[in-house]
């Protein structure tokens, strides 16, 4: 009996369920945290500036970003309700955080109406996401692997990742990438699984020699602080609600790509309709609760999806530990401030391989279907238009601002809409090309 209990406590990192060895799980959990932490707090910093709020409120907005991201992640990892009927959460290995996809729209809303209008529009957006989740069983047919793969492929651009102009940034980023690549291909066991974390640690130490690490924010941060309910207030502005509501619907569709990438890369299968049902319902519900706690809109993080696809570590307890670390970071500001000292160049260098893995996962999903002329046209046109318009968003300058905000900031939106439209309208090709 003792042997059986020990076996249960030490589940494999590559099993979805069970408790693995903490000595293995904690470093791999931390790997997910360092990959998302800066991206999670940066939108709050940007929106704080646009809204013109004071330092104390800025800290609360950052804190709420971390606390709610942790709670939203736990909900997705460990669903509430009956998996065979109504439930919140997917039960899949994902990490959620405040999303850059909403930043341009939130900036405009913050400048005109303040943070209360963002949070009010977020509640409306959460309701829109719930509606998508409730109807997913009827609309799932519009998202076969061909479409999901195209969405995942265009996710791999790393939208919102910083560019590296200074030579120091290039040196640090390349050094970090080399460490990650060497460990990925030549190391074994734990060093191979934790290659991204090891690369970040090496890059972090290396960046100190260039004066790229500052601990000023750590010294100024407080020790402990609980989030405050309704601190910023909530208001409903029609234009803000329409803009964010539409973005929530689009991001619900993108979530199908995220969860497809997670299951394809880590579990070698597609997500079930029930999993997507719970995933999008949980996404909408957590954003509604988050608005009351002062957190900006959250979504699944593609860099963490890429880590799952790269390492094949899908154990939910391991990612649950990531969520707990993020929660601690939110409750103890000094801890979160320490994590935000990681230079962008280190993060960029470490996550290049992650986004490469996302792209390959998307291609793998696409290739599960026959690559006849019809299907190659769908994937090619969707990817070309998505990437092309987002890279030349100035071409939309003659349109209203909301058009650029929704369609010109990320290749995923246009690629998703074009792929769905072509898949519905183009006639089925009877001349199939056999796959090797």
Protein backbone atom coordinates (compact mmCIF):
# COMPACT_ATOMS: atom_id res chain seq x y z
CA UNK A 1 0.00 0.00 0.00
CA UNK A 2 2.80 2.43 0.85
CA UNK A 3 4.42 1.77 -2.50
CA UNK A 4 1.17 2.59 -4.29
CA UNK A 5 0.76 5.82 -2.32
CA UNK A 6 4.32 6.84 -3.12
CA UNK A 7 3.73 6.18 -6.81
CA UNK A 8 0.62 8.34 -6.76
CA UNK A 9 2.45 11.18 -5.03
CA UNK A 10 5.26 11.05 -7.58
CA UNK A 11 3.38 11.26 -10.85
CA UNK A 12 5.27 11.93 -14.05
CA UNK A 13 5.73 15.51 -15.22
CA UNK A 14 4.38 14.31 -18.55
CA UNK A 15 1.07 13.14 -17.03
CA UNK A 16 -1.82 15.58 -16.91
CA UNK A 17 -2.92 14.49 -13.43
CA UNK A 18 -1.11 13.50 -10.26
CA UNK A 19 1.46 15.10 -7.96
CA UNK A 20 5.08 14.98 -9.20
CA UNK A 21 8.24 15.37 -7.13
CA UNK A 22 8.40 18.94 -5.84
CA UNK A 23 12.15 19.09 -6.52
CA UNK A 24 11.32 18.71 -10.23
CA UNK A 25 8.03 20.61 -10.33
CA UNK A 26 9.04 23.86 -8.61
CA UNK A 27 11.85 24.87 -11.02
CA UNK A 28 9.64 24.03 -14.01
CA UNK A 29 6.81 26.05 -12.46
CA UNK A 30 9.17 28.99 -11.99
CA UNK A 31 10.11 28.69 -15.66
CA UNK A 32 6.51 29.50 -16.59
CA UNK A 33 6.43 32.41 -14.13
CA UNK A 34 9.52 34.18 -15.43
CA UNK A 35 8.24 33.76 -19.00
CA UNK A 36 4.99 35.61 -18.27
CA UNK A 37 5.58 37.95 -15.33
CA UNK A 38 6.82 41.05 -17.19
CA UNK A 39 4.20 40.69 -19.91
CA UNK A 40 1.54 40.42 -17.21
CA UNK A 41 2.40 43.64 -15.36
CA UNK A 42 3.43 45.80 -18.35
CA UNK A 43 -0.14 46.47 -19.60
CA UNK A 44 -1.04 47.77 -16.13
CA UNK A 45 1.96 50.12 -16.25
CA UNK A 46 0.98 51.37 -19.72
CA UNK A 47 -2.67 51.92 -18.81
CA UNK A 48 -1.70 53.63 -15.54
CA UNK A 49 0.21 56.19 -17.56
CA UNK A 50 -2.65 56.68 -20.03
CA UNK A 51 -5.17 57.16 -17.20
CA UNK A 52 -2.85 59.45 -15.22
CA UNK A 53 -3.37 57.67 -11.88
CA UNK A 54 -1.03 58.09 -8.90
CA UNK A 55 1.67 55.65 -7.77
CA UNK A 56 -0.48 53.96 -5.12
CA UNK A 57 -3.23 53.16 -7.64
CA UNK A 58 -0.61 52.01 -10.13
CA UNK A 59 0.65 49.48 -7.58
CA UNK A 60 -2.91 48.25 -6.98
CA UNK A 61 -3.47 47.79 -10.71
CA UNK A 62 -0.26 45.76 -11.04
CA UNK A 63 -1.11 43.73 -7.96
CA UNK A 64 -4.60 42.94 -9.27
CA UNK A 65 -3.06 41.81 -12.57
CA UNK A 66 -1.00 39.17 -10.79
CA UNK A 67 -3.63 38.01 -8.29
CA UNK A 68 -6.43 37.61 -10.85
CA UNK A 69 -4.10 36.02 -13.42
CA UNK A 70 -3.19 33.41 -10.81
CA UNK A 71 -6.84 32.74 -9.91
CA UNK A 72 -7.87 32.57 -13.59
CA UNK A 73 -5.05 30.09 -14.25
CA UNK A 74 -6.13 27.89 -11.33
CA UNK A 75 -9.71 27.93 -12.63
CA UNK A 76 -8.55 26.71 -16.06
CA UNK A 77 -6.30 24.04 -14.54
CA UNK A 78 -8.82 22.74 -12.01
CA UNK A 79 -12.36 23.33 -13.38
CA UNK A 80 -15.45 23.93 -11.28
CA UNK A 81 -18.54 21.89 -12.15
CA UNK A 82 -19.33 18.70 -14.05
CA UNK A 83 -16.92 18.11 -16.95
CA UNK A 84 -19.67 16.34 -18.90
CA UNK A 85 -22.10 19.26 -18.65
CA UNK A 86 -21.75 22.83 -17.36
CA UNK A 87 -18.32 23.67 -15.99
CA UNK A 88 -15.91 26.59 -15.72
CA UNK A 89 -12.36 25.88 -16.86
CA UNK A 90 -10.73 23.52 -19.35
CA UNK A 91 -8.65 21.22 -17.15
CA UNK A 92 -5.72 21.78 -19.53
CA UNK A 93 -2.15 23.00 -18.89
CA UNK A 94 -2.31 26.75 -19.60
CA UNK A 95 -1.17 30.00 -17.98
CA UNK A 96 -3.30 33.15 -18.12
CA UNK A 97 -2.23 36.74 -17.74
CA UNK A 98 -3.23 40.30 -18.64
CA UNK A 99 -3.26 40.44 -22.43
CA UNK A 100 -1.47 42.92 -24.71
CA UNK A 101 -4.23 42.35 -27.28
CA UNK A 102 -6.46 44.79 -25.40
CA UNK A 103 -3.83 47.49 -24.72
CA UNK A 104 -4.45 49.82 -27.73
CA UNK A 105 -8.20 49.90 -27.07
CA UNK A 106 -7.70 50.28 -23.32
CA UNK A 107 -5.31 53.21 -23.85
CA UNK A 108 -7.91 55.07 -25.85
CA UNK A 109 -10.63 54.32 -23.28
CA UNK A 110 -8.36 55.29 -20.35
CA UNK A 111 -7.48 58.64 -21.92
CA UNK A 112 -11.13 59.50 -22.59
CA UNK A 113 -13.08 57.91 -19.72
CA UNK A 114 -10.59 56.45 -17.24
CA UNK A 115 -10.10 52.98 -15.79
CA UNK A 116 -13.72 52.57 -14.54
CA UNK A 117 -14.89 52.56 -18.18
CA UNK A 118 -12.35 49.84 -19.04
CA UNK A 119 -13.57 47.65 -16.20
CA UNK A 120 -17.21 48.19 -17.15
CA UNK A 121 -16.49 47.27 -20.78
CA UNK A 122 -14.57 44.23 -19.50
CA UNK A 123 -17.71 42.97 -17.74
CA UNK A 124 -19.63 43.29 -21.01
CA UNK A 125 -16.78 41.52 -22.81
CA UNK A 126 -16.85 38.71 -20.25
CA UNK A 127 -20.57 38.23 -20.93
CA UNK A 128 -19.84 38.12 -24.68
CA UNK A 129 -17.20 35.42 -24.07
CA UNK A 130 -19.68 33.39 -22.00
CA UNK A 131 -22.16 33.53 -24.89
CA UNK A 132 -19.45 32.18 -27.22
CA UNK A 133 -18.72 29.44 -24.69
CA UNK A 134 -22.37 28.46 -24.43
CA UNK A 135 -22.66 28.15 -28.22
CA UNK A 136 -19.27 26.47 -28.83
CA UNK A 137 -20.88 23.07 -29.48
CA UNK A 138 -22.75 24.58 -32.43
CA UNK A 139 -19.90 26.68 -33.84
CA UNK A 140 -17.05 24.18 -33.27
CA UNK A 141 -17.52 22.86 -36.80
CA UNK A 142 -16.17 26.15 -38.12
CA UNK A 143 -12.79 25.48 -36.44
CA UNK A 144 -11.32 22.25 -37.83
CA UNK A 145 -7.56 21.58 -37.40
CA UNK A 146 -6.90 23.52 -40.63
CA UNK A 147 -8.32 26.72 -39.09
CA UNK A 148 -6.93 26.14 -35.60
CA UNK A 149 -3.49 25.46 -37.06
CA UNK A 150 -3.57 28.68 -39.09
CA UNK A 151 -4.52 30.65 -35.97
CA UNK A 152 -1.69 29.06 -33.97
CA UNK A 153 0.82 29.67 -36.76
CA UNK A 154 0.05 33.41 -36.88
CA UNK A 155 0.24 33.58 -33.06
CA UNK A 156 3.94 32.79 -33.32
CA UNK A 157 4.93 36.29 -34.35
CA UNK A 158 5.43 37.34 -30.75
CA UNK A 159 3.25 40.45 -30.95
CA UNK A 160 4.13 42.87 -28.21
CA UNK A 161 7.65 41.52 -27.77
CA UNK A 162 10.25 44.32 -27.50
CA UNK A 163 12.69 45.01 -30.31
CA UNK A 164 16.38 45.14 -29.68
CA UNK A 165 18.11 48.22 -31.03
CA UNK A 166 21.13 48.64 -28.75
CA UNK A 167 24.09 46.31 -29.28
CA UNK A 168 24.03 45.34 -25.60
CA UNK A 169 20.49 44.04 -26.01
CA UNK A 170 21.52 42.01 -29.04
CA UNK A 171 24.49 40.49 -27.21
CA UNK A 172 22.43 39.55 -24.14
CA UNK A 173 19.52 38.19 -26.23
CA UNK A 174 21.81 36.07 -28.44
CA UNK A 175 23.74 34.78 -25.41
CA UNK A 176 20.48 33.74 -23.73
CA UNK A 177 19.22 32.07 -26.92
CA UNK A 178 22.50 30.14 -27.32
CA UNK A 179 22.28 28.82 -23.74
CA UNK A 180 18.66 27.71 -24.24
CA UNK A 181 19.46 26.07 -27.59
CA UNK A 182 22.53 24.23 -26.30
CA UNK A 183 20.63 22.87 -23.29
CA UNK A 184 17.67 21.90 -25.50
CA UNK A 185 19.81 19.82 -27.85
CA UNK A 186 22.75 18.61 -25.78
CA UNK A 187 21.59 18.42 -22.16
CA UNK A 188 19.60 15.58 -20.64
CA UNK A 189 17.04 15.18 -17.89
CA UNK A 190 16.19 18.21 -15.77
CA UNK A 191 18.58 20.62 -17.54
CA UNK A 192 16.85 19.87 -20.84
CA UNK A 193 13.35 20.32 -19.40
CA UNK A 194 14.32 23.54 -17.60
CA UNK A 195 16.39 24.92 -20.51
CA UNK A 196 14.36 28.13 -20.74
CA UNK A 197 14.70 28.85 -17.01
CA UNK A 198 18.43 28.05 -17.07
CA UNK A 199 18.86 30.29 -20.11
CA UNK A 200 17.06 33.13 -18.35
CA UNK A 201 19.20 32.76 -15.23
CA UNK A 202 22.39 32.76 -17.32
CA UNK A 203 21.16 35.72 -19.38
CA UNK A 204 20.10 37.60 -16.24
CA UNK A 205 23.56 37.24 -14.66
CA UNK A 206 25.22 38.14 -17.98
CA UNK A 207 23.04 41.27 -18.36
CA UNK A 208 24.22 42.56 -14.98
CA UNK A 209 27.67 43.19 -16.49
CA UNK A 210 26.01 45.64 -18.91
CA UNK A 211 24.15 47.49 -16.15
CA UNK A 212 20.77 46.30 -17.41
CA UNK A 213 19.38 45.21 -14.01
CA UNK A 214 18.04 47.76 -11.53
CA UNK A 215 16.69 46.96 -8.06
CA UNK A 216 15.21 50.42 -7.42
CA UNK A 217 11.61 49.20 -7.71
CA UNK A 218 12.30 46.37 -5.25
CA UNK A 219 13.44 48.79 -2.56
CA UNK A 220 10.39 51.00 -3.05
CA UNK A 221 7.84 48.15 -3.00
CA UNK A 222 5.80 47.21 0.05
CA UNK A 223 5.90 43.90 1.91
CA UNK A 224 2.29 42.67 1.86
CA UNK A 225 -0.96 43.95 0.39
CA UNK A 226 -4.41 42.51 -0.34
CA UNK A 227 -6.32 43.48 -3.50
CA UNK A 228 -9.21 45.91 -3.01
CA UNK A 229 -12.70 45.26 -4.36
CA UNK A 230 -14.21 48.04 -6.51
CA UNK A 231 -11.32 50.38 -5.72
CA UNK A 232 -11.38 51.99 -9.18
CA UNK A 233 -15.14 51.87 -9.59
CA UNK A 234 -17.03 50.66 -12.67
CA UNK A 235 -18.80 52.65 -15.37
CA UNK A 236 -20.37 51.65 -18.67
CA UNK A 237 -19.55 53.73 -21.77
CA UNK A 238 -21.28 52.53 -24.95
CA UNK A 239 -18.29 52.93 -27.30
CA UNK A 240 -15.93 51.25 -24.82
CA UNK A 241 -18.32 48.33 -24.32
CA UNK A 242 -18.66 47.78 -28.08
CA UNK A 243 -14.88 47.91 -28.68
CA UNK A 244 -13.91 45.54 -25.86
CA UNK A 245 -16.97 43.34 -26.40
CA UNK A 246 -15.89 42.71 -30.00
CA UNK A 247 -12.31 42.06 -28.91
CA UNK A 248 -13.50 39.53 -26.33
CA UNK A 249 -15.42 37.63 -29.02
CA UNK A 250 -12.35 37.62 -31.28
CA UNK A 251 -10.09 36.53 -28.42
CA UNK A 252 -12.55 33.76 -27.56
CA UNK A 253 -12.02 32.48 -31.09
CA UNK A 254 -8.26 32.87 -30.67
CA UNK A 255 -8.50 30.86 -27.44
CA UNK A 256 -9.52 27.88 -29.55
CA UNK A 257 -6.14 28.20 -31.26
CA UNK A 258 -4.34 28.53 -27.92
CA UNK A 259 -5.95 25.44 -26.45
CA UNK A 260 -5.44 23.54 -29.71
CA UNK A 261 -1.73 24.41 -29.54
CA UNK A 262 -1.57 23.26 -25.92
CA UNK A 263 -3.20 19.89 -26.55
CA UNK A 264 -1.45 19.30 -29.89
CA UNK A 265 1.97 20.24 -28.56
CA UNK A 266 1.74 18.67 -25.12
CA UNK A 267 -0.86 15.90 -25.42
CA UNK A 268 -0.75 15.03 -29.15
CA UNK A 269 -4.47 15.52 -29.64
CA UNK A 270 -7.11 18.17 -30.29
CA UNK A 271 -9.11 19.71 -27.43
CA UNK A 272 -12.56 18.23 -26.97
CA UNK A 273 -15.67 20.35 -27.40
CA UNK A 274 -16.38 20.02 -23.66
CA UNK A 275 -12.88 21.31 -22.86
CA UNK A 276 -13.36 24.32 -25.13
CA UNK A 277 -16.82 24.88 -23.64
CA UNK A 278 -15.37 25.09 -20.12
CA UNK A 279 -12.30 27.03 -21.27
CA UNK A 280 -14.21 29.92 -22.82
CA UNK A 281 -16.85 30.00 -20.07
CA UNK A 282 -14.02 30.18 -17.53
CA UNK A 283 -12.32 32.89 -19.57
CA UNK A 284 -15.46 35.03 -19.53
CA UNK A 285 -16.27 34.37 -15.87
CA UNK A 286 -12.76 35.14 -14.60
CA UNK A 287 -12.68 38.41 -16.51
CA UNK A 288 -15.99 39.51 -14.96
CA UNK A 289 -14.69 38.75 -11.45
CA UNK A 290 -11.37 40.37 -12.37
CA UNK A 291 -13.10 43.64 -13.25
CA UNK A 292 -14.48 43.91 -9.71
CA UNK A 293 -10.98 43.33 -8.32
CA UNK A 294 -9.45 45.98 -10.58
CA UNK A 295 -7.68 43.61 -12.99
CA UNK A 296 -7.43 44.37 -16.72
CA UNK A 297 -8.55 41.72 -19.29
CA UNK A 298 -6.70 38.39 -19.21
CA UNK A 299 -6.11 35.71 -21.83
CA UNK A 300 -4.01 32.59 -22.34
CA UNK A 301 -0.30 33.30 -22.85
CA UNK A 302 1.17 31.95 -26.07
CA UNK A 303 4.73 31.93 -24.67
CA UNK A 304 3.58 29.52 -21.96
CA UNK A 305 1.73 27.44 -24.54
CA UNK A 306 5.05 27.24 -26.35
CA UNK A 307 6.85 26.07 -23.21
CA UNK A 308 4.33 23.25 -22.82
CA UNK A 309 4.81 22.29 -26.48
CA UNK A 310 8.60 22.44 -26.15
CA UNK A 311 9.06 20.56 -22.87
CA UNK A 312 5.96 18.29 -23.06
CA UNK A 313 5.49 18.97 -19.32
CA UNK A 314 1.68 19.00 -19.04
CA UNK A 315 1.25 18.15 -15.36
CA UNK A 316 -1.49 20.40 -13.97
CA UNK A 317 -0.01 20.46 -10.46
CA UNK A 318 3.25 21.83 -11.87
CA UNK A 319 1.42 24.67 -13.62
CA UNK A 320 -0.73 25.09 -10.51
CA UNK A 321 2.49 25.81 -8.61
CA UNK A 322 3.20 28.50 -11.22
CA UNK A 323 -0.17 30.06 -10.41
CA UNK A 324 0.58 29.97 -6.67
CA UNK A 325 3.93 31.71 -7.26
CA UNK A 326 2.16 34.38 -9.32
CA UNK A 327 -0.40 34.75 -6.51
CA UNK A 328 2.39 35.21 -3.94
CA UNK A 329 3.99 37.78 -6.25
CA UNK A 330 0.71 39.71 -6.23
CA UNK A 331 0.30 39.58 -2.45
CA UNK A 332 3.96 40.43 -1.75
CA UNK A 333 4.89 43.41 -3.97
CA UNK A 334 8.63 43.08 -3.27
CA UNK A 335 8.60 39.61 -4.81
CA UNK A 336 6.77 40.76 -7.93
CA UNK A 337 9.11 43.75 -8.24
CA UNK A 338 12.10 41.39 -8.14
CA UNK A 339 10.66 39.32 -11.00
CA UNK A 340 10.11 42.46 -13.08
CA UNK A 341 13.84 43.28 -12.96
CA UNK A 342 14.43 40.67 -15.70
CA UNK A 343 15.55 42.66 -18.80
CA UNK A 344 13.43 42.44 -21.95
CA UNK A 345 16.49 41.26 -23.90
CA UNK A 346 16.76 38.18 -21.65
CA UNK A 347 13.05 37.41 -22.04
CA UNK A 348 13.22 37.93 -25.80
CA UNK A 349 16.27 35.71 -26.24
CA UNK A 350 14.74 32.93 -24.15
CA UNK A 351 11.34 32.99 -25.85
CA UNK A 352 12.54 32.94 -29.48
CA UNK A 353 12.64 29.14 -29.32
CA UNK A 354 9.22 29.16 -27.66
CA UNK A 355 7.59 31.06 -30.51
CA UNK A 356 9.38 28.80 -32.98
CA UNK A 357 7.75 25.86 -31.20
CA UNK A 358 4.35 27.55 -31.46
CA UNK A 359 4.82 28.00 -35.22
CA UNK A 360 5.75 24.34 -35.66
CA UNK A 361 2.74 23.27 -33.57
CA UNK A 362 0.51 25.29 -35.89
CA UNK A 363 2.07 23.69 -38.95
CA UNK A 364 1.60 20.25 -37.39
CA UNK A 365 -2.10 20.94 -36.85
CA UNK A 366 -2.51 22.15 -40.43
CA UNK A 367 -0.75 19.08 -41.82
CA UNK A 368 -3.26 16.73 -40.18
CA UNK A 369 -5.48 17.56 -43.14
CA UNK A 370 -4.79 16.89 -46.82
CA UNK A 371 -2.79 19.73 -48.35
CA UNK A 372 -4.79 20.05 -51.56
CA UNK A 373 -5.11 23.30 -53.52
CA UNK A 374 -8.14 24.45 -51.50
CA UNK A 375 -6.50 23.98 -48.11
CA UNK A 376 -3.15 25.48 -49.09
CA UNK A 377 -5.05 28.52 -50.44
CA UNK A 378 -6.88 28.95 -47.14
CA UNK A 379 -3.74 28.73 -45.01
CA UNK A 380 -1.60 30.79 -47.39
CA UNK A 381 -4.07 33.64 -47.90
CA UNK A 382 -5.03 33.82 -44.22
CA UNK A 383 -1.41 33.92 -43.04
CA UNK A 384 -0.33 36.37 -45.77
CA UNK A 385 -3.17 38.82 -45.14
CA UNK A 386 -2.87 38.54 -41.37
CA UNK A 387 0.87 39.11 -41.27
CA UNK A 388 0.82 41.67 -44.10
CA UNK A 389 -1.84 43.98 -42.70
CA UNK A 390 -0.45 43.87 -39.14
CA UNK A 391 3.04 44.73 -40.43
CA UNK A 392 1.67 47.63 -42.47
CA UNK A 393 -1.09 48.84 -40.15
CA UNK A 394 -0.57 52.39 -41.45
CA UNK A 395 -2.46 51.25 -44.55
CA UNK A 396 -5.62 51.37 -42.39
CA UNK A 397 -5.08 55.02 -41.42
CA UNK A 398 -7.99 56.22 -43.58
CA UNK A 399 -10.40 54.04 -41.58
CA UNK A 400 -11.81 54.88 -38.13
CA UNK A 401 -9.41 54.32 -35.23
CA UNK A 402 -11.32 51.29 -33.98
CA UNK A 403 -10.65 49.49 -37.29
CA UNK A 404 -6.89 49.84 -36.84
CA UNK A 405 -7.16 48.88 -33.18
CA UNK A 406 -9.03 45.64 -33.89
CA UNK A 407 -7.59 44.56 -37.24
CA UNK A 408 -4.19 46.22 -37.48
CA UNK A 409 -2.49 45.33 -34.20
CA UNK A 410 -2.25 41.54 -34.39
CA UNK A 411 -2.07 39.12 -37.34
CA UNK A 412 -4.31 36.62 -35.51
CA UNK A 413 -7.55 38.58 -35.94
CA UNK A 414 -7.46 38.94 -39.72
CA UNK A 415 -5.93 35.48 -40.23
CA UNK A 416 -8.72 33.90 -38.15
CA UNK A 417 -11.54 35.72 -39.95
CA UNK A 418 -10.09 35.08 -43.43
CA UNK A 419 -9.47 31.39 -42.71
CA UNK A 420 -13.02 30.90 -41.41
CA UNK A 421 -14.56 32.78 -44.35
CA UNK A 422 -12.57 30.87 -46.97
CA UNK A 423 -13.24 27.53 -45.29
CA UNK A 424 -16.98 28.19 -45.39
CA UNK A 425 -17.16 29.61 -48.94
CA UNK A 426 -14.58 27.71 -51.01
CA UNK A 427 -15.89 24.48 -52.58
CA UNK A 428 -14.52 21.22 -51.22
CA UNK A 429 -11.64 19.92 -53.35
CA UNK A 430 -12.22 16.38 -54.53
CA UNK A 431 -8.69 15.93 -55.83
CA UNK A 432 -6.77 15.11 -52.68
CA UNK A 433 -3.01 15.09 -52.39
CA UNK A 434 -1.75 12.15 -50.43
CA UNK A 435 0.43 12.94 -47.44
CA UNK A 436 3.79 11.21 -47.14
